[in-house]
Amino acid sequence: MSMTMRIGCLAAGLSFAAIAPASAADFRQPYTVAAPLNVYSWAGPYLGANLGYQWSDVSNSGTEPTGVAGGAQIGFNWQTGQFVFGVETDLQLSGSDDRFAAWQFSNPWFGTLRGRVGYAFNNILVYGTAGLAYGSLHADVLGATESHAAFGWTAGLGLELGLTQNWSVRAEYLYIGLGSNNFAVTGRSHDIDSSVFRMGVNYRF
């Protein structure tokens, strides 16, 4: 082999050695580089259901109603970058009740209408929520019953995890304070403050 051919072969070998590592790195890159944020979209309408536990305090009664609560929610999200803004309403049925002496109080149903503000880490959404609350307080005193609807406010925090682009699960805590009403069967004014922890599932359209 001539000197010229040897030099040519050596140059070709050095060129291949320099290019090969880069090519291998390029081949591996799609599997090793993390996916960019916000490939998961939280925007749009959604519908879901939830189930949790409620513990409460009824003023001027000595009762602290507790029980399972569950219901449905519907909402809509807007997303700008990693920030998510939304509105949600829900309606719940509750088995919370408690008795003190001759008095028994329960909160058979309640609902909320809330705004939501969150920050998305791709398919993980951390959010705060606050808004209007409403519900019913029911009293039973030796068989004499009375119910009043009341309005109030609510605030809480939540964490939602996107499983697929359409399905997500979440955990949420809400504090709910409903205004007072005068009850003839007790001769007193009563309001109810509640804490609710619940798990839920949503389907986005």
Foldseek 3Di string as FASTA:
>chain_A
DDPVVVVVVVVVVVVCVVVVVVVVCVVCVVVPDDDDAPPQDPFAKKKKKKKWKKWKDKPPFPWIWIFIKIWMKIKGWDDDRQKIKIKMKIKMATPTWTDDVQKIKDFGIKMWIKIKIWGDRRQKIKIKIKGKMKTKMWMAGPRDIDMDIWIDMKIWIKMKGDPDSFKIKIKIKMKTWTDWDQDPVVRGIITMIMIIIMIMMMTGD
